Amino acid sequence: GEARVLRHDGTALPNLLAGGGAACGVSGSHDWGYLSGNGLLTAATLGYRAGVTAAKLLR
């Protein structure tokens, strides 16, 4: 729930966050994993989560 970008092994890349169209796999199970109809909800939610996480990383 922190909008972090993950490696193939599931570990998070340090200080790299994603939201909106860059967050593949959110609404589909394939590599393309992004459905345009869900774009606004995904962008708003993950944008918020990424902002909260970024603020925590700055502390």
N, C-alpha and C. Protein backbone atom coordinates (compact mmCIF):
# COMPACT_ATOMS: atom_id res chain seq x y z
N GLY A 1 0.77 -1.20 0.00
CA GLY A 1 0.00 0.00 0.00
C GLY A 1 0.81 1.27 0.00
N GLU A 2 2.10 1.20 -0.32
CA GLU A 2 2.93 2.40 -0.29
C GLU A 2 3.31 2.89 -1.68
N ALA A 3 2.77 2.31 -2.73
CA ALA A 3 3.04 2.71 -4.11
C ALA A 3 4.51 2.51 -4.50
N ARG A 4 5.17 1.57 -3.87
CA ARG A 4 6.58 1.30 -4.17
C ARG A 4 6.71 0.46 -5.44
N VAL A 5 7.81 0.65 -6.15
CA VAL A 5 8.12 -0.15 -7.33
C VAL A 5 8.88 -1.38 -6.85
N LEU A 6 8.42 -2.56 -7.31
CA LEU A 6 9.01 -3.82 -6.86
C LEU A 6 9.87 -4.47 -7.93
N ARG A 7 10.90 -5.16 -7.47
CA ARG A 7 11.72 -5.99 -8.37
C ARG A 7 10.95 -7.28 -8.66
N HIS A 8 11.47 -8.09 -9.56
CA HIS A 8 10.82 -9.36 -9.89
C HIS A 8 10.74 -10.29 -8.68
N ASP A 9 11.67 -10.16 -7.74
CA ASP A 9 11.64 -11.02 -6.55
C ASP A 9 10.73 -10.48 -5.45
N GLY A 10 10.06 -9.35 -5.71
CA GLY A 10 9.11 -8.78 -4.76
C GLY A 10 9.68 -7.78 -3.79
N THR A 11 10.99 -7.55 -3.81
CA THR A 11 11.58 -6.55 -2.93
C THR A 11 11.45 -5.16 -3.55
N ALA A 12 11.34 -4.17 -2.71
CA ALA A 12 11.13 -2.80 -3.18
C ALA A 12 12.44 -2.15 -3.61
N LEU A 13 12.37 -1.40 -4.70
CA LEU A 13 13.50 -0.57 -5.12
C LEU A 13 13.53 0.65 -4.20
N PRO A 14 14.69 1.02 -3.68
CA PRO A 14 14.74 2.14 -2.74
C PRO A 14 14.36 3.47 -3.38
N ASN A 15 13.50 4.21 -2.70
CA ASN A 15 13.12 5.57 -3.09
C ASN A 15 12.48 5.69 -4.47
N LEU A 16 11.87 4.61 -4.98
CA LEU A 16 11.19 4.67 -6.28
C LEU A 16 9.73 4.33 -6.08
N LEU A 17 8.84 5.27 -6.43
CA LEU A 17 7.40 5.11 -6.26
C LEU A 17 6.72 5.23 -7.62
N ALA A 18 5.51 4.66 -7.74
CA ALA A 18 4.79 4.73 -9.01
C ALA A 18 3.30 4.91 -8.77
N GLY A 19 2.64 5.54 -9.72
CA GLY A 19 1.20 5.72 -9.66
C GLY A 19 0.65 5.89 -11.05
N GLY A 20 -0.67 5.81 -11.19
CA GLY A 20 -1.30 5.99 -12.50
C GLY A 20 -0.87 4.95 -13.50
N GLY A 21 -0.60 5.37 -14.73
CA GLY A 21 -0.24 4.45 -15.80
C GLY A 21 1.08 3.76 -15.60
N ALA A 22 1.93 4.29 -14.74
CA ALA A 22 3.22 3.65 -14.47
C ALA A 22 3.10 2.47 -13.52
N ALA A 23 1.97 2.34 -12.87
CA ALA A 23 1.77 1.27 -11.90
C ALA A 23 1.14 0.05 -12.57
N CYS A 24 1.89 -0.65 -13.36
CA CYS A 24 1.40 -1.83 -14.08
C CYS A 24 1.08 -2.95 -13.11
N GLY A 25 0.10 -3.76 -13.47
CA GLY A 25 -0.28 -4.89 -12.65
C GLY A 25 -1.39 -4.57 -11.66
N VAL A 26 -1.80 -3.32 -11.58
CA VAL A 26 -2.83 -2.94 -10.62
C VAL A 26 -4.20 -3.47 -11.04
N SER A 27 -4.55 -3.37 -12.30
CA SER A 27 -5.89 -3.76 -12.73
C SER A 27 -5.90 -4.89 -13.75
N GLY A 28 -4.82 -5.61 -13.86
CA GLY A 28 -4.77 -6.75 -14.76
C GLY A 28 -3.68 -7.72 -14.34
N SER A 29 -3.78 -8.94 -14.81
CA SER A 29 -2.83 -9.95 -14.36
C SER A 29 -1.68 -10.18 -15.33
N HIS A 30 -1.68 -9.50 -16.45
CA HIS A 30 -0.62 -9.68 -17.44
C HIS A 30 0.43 -8.58 -17.30
N ASP A 31 1.49 -8.69 -18.07
CA ASP A 31 2.55 -7.68 -18.02
C ASP A 31 2.02 -6.29 -18.33
N TRP A 32 1.06 -6.19 -19.27
CA TRP A 32 0.51 -4.87 -19.61
C TRP A 32 -0.34 -4.35 -18.47
N GLY A 33 -1.08 -5.17 -17.78
CA GLY A 33 -1.76 -4.93 -16.52
C GLY A 33 -2.34 -3.56 -16.22
N TYR A 34 -2.74 -2.79 -17.21
CA TYR A 34 -3.31 -1.47 -16.95
C TYR A 34 -4.53 -1.28 -17.84
N LEU A 35 -5.67 -1.06 -17.24
CA LEU A 35 -6.90 -0.84 -17.98
C LEU A 35 -7.24 0.64 -17.92
N SER A 36 -7.35 1.28 -19.07
CA SER A 36 -7.53 2.73 -19.11
C SER A 36 -8.77 3.20 -18.37
N GLY A 37 -9.80 2.41 -18.30
CA GLY A 37 -11.01 2.79 -17.59
C GLY A 37 -10.80 2.98 -16.09
N ASN A 38 -9.78 2.36 -15.57
CA ASN A 38 -9.47 2.49 -14.15
C ASN A 38 -8.42 3.56 -13.88
N GLY A 39 -8.00 4.26 -14.91
CA GLY A 39 -6.89 5.20 -14.80
C GLY A 39 -7.05 6.29 -13.77
N LEU A 40 -8.20 6.94 -13.73
CA LEU A 40 -8.39 8.05 -12.81
C LEU A 40 -8.33 7.59 -11.36
N LEU A 41 -9.03 6.51 -11.06
CA LEU A 41 -9.02 5.98 -9.69
C LEU A 41 -7.62 5.55 -9.28
N THR A 42 -6.94 4.85 -10.17
CA THR A 42 -5.58 4.39 -9.87
C THR A 42 -4.64 5.58 -9.68
N ALA A 43 -4.72 6.56 -10.56
CA ALA A 43 -3.84 7.72 -10.47
C ALA A 43 -4.07 8.50 -9.17
N ALA A 44 -5.33 8.71 -8.82
CA ALA A 44 -5.64 9.47 -7.61
C ALA A 44 -5.21 8.72 -6.35
N THR A 45 -5.53 7.43 -6.28
CA THR A 45 -5.22 6.65 -5.09
C THR A 45 -3.73 6.43 -4.93
N LEU A 46 -3.07 5.95 -5.98
CA LEU A 46 -1.64 5.70 -5.86
C LEU A 46 -0.83 6.99 -5.81
N GLY A 47 -1.32 8.04 -6.43
CA GLY A 47 -0.66 9.34 -6.30
C GLY A 47 -0.66 9.81 -4.85
N TYR A 48 -1.79 9.64 -4.19
CA TYR A 48 -1.89 9.99 -2.77
C TYR A 48 -0.96 9.12 -1.94
N ARG A 49 -1.02 7.79 -2.16
CA ARG A 49 -0.18 6.86 -1.39
C ARG A 49 1.31 7.14 -1.62
N ALA A 50 1.68 7.44 -2.86
CA ALA A 50 3.07 7.75 -3.16
C ALA A 50 3.50 9.03 -2.44
N GLY A 51 2.61 10.01 -2.37
CA GLY A 51 2.91 11.25 -1.66
C GLY A 51 3.12 11.03 -0.18
N VAL A 52 2.27 10.21 0.42
CA VAL A 52 2.41 9.89 1.85
C VAL A 52 3.73 9.16 2.10
N THR A 53 4.04 8.19 1.24
CA THR A 53 5.28 7.44 1.39
C THR A 53 6.49 8.35 1.20
N ALA A 54 6.46 9.22 0.19
CA ALA A 54 7.57 10.14 -0.05
C ALA A 54 7.80 11.05 1.15
N ALA A 55 6.72 11.52 1.76
CA ALA A 55 6.85 12.37 2.95
C ALA A 55 7.50 11.62 4.09
N LYS A 56 7.15 10.33 4.26
CA LYS A 56 7.76 9.52 5.31
C LYS A 56 9.25 9.31 5.04
N LEU A 57 9.61 9.12 3.77
CA LEU A 57 11.01 8.90 3.42
C LEU A 57 11.87 10.13 3.69
N LEU A 58 11.26 11.31 3.66
CA LEU A 58 12.00 12.56 3.89
C LEU A 58 12.25 12.84 5.37
N ARG A 59 11.54 12.17 6.23
CA ARG A 59 11.68 12.41 7.68
C ARG A 59 12.95 11.83 8.22
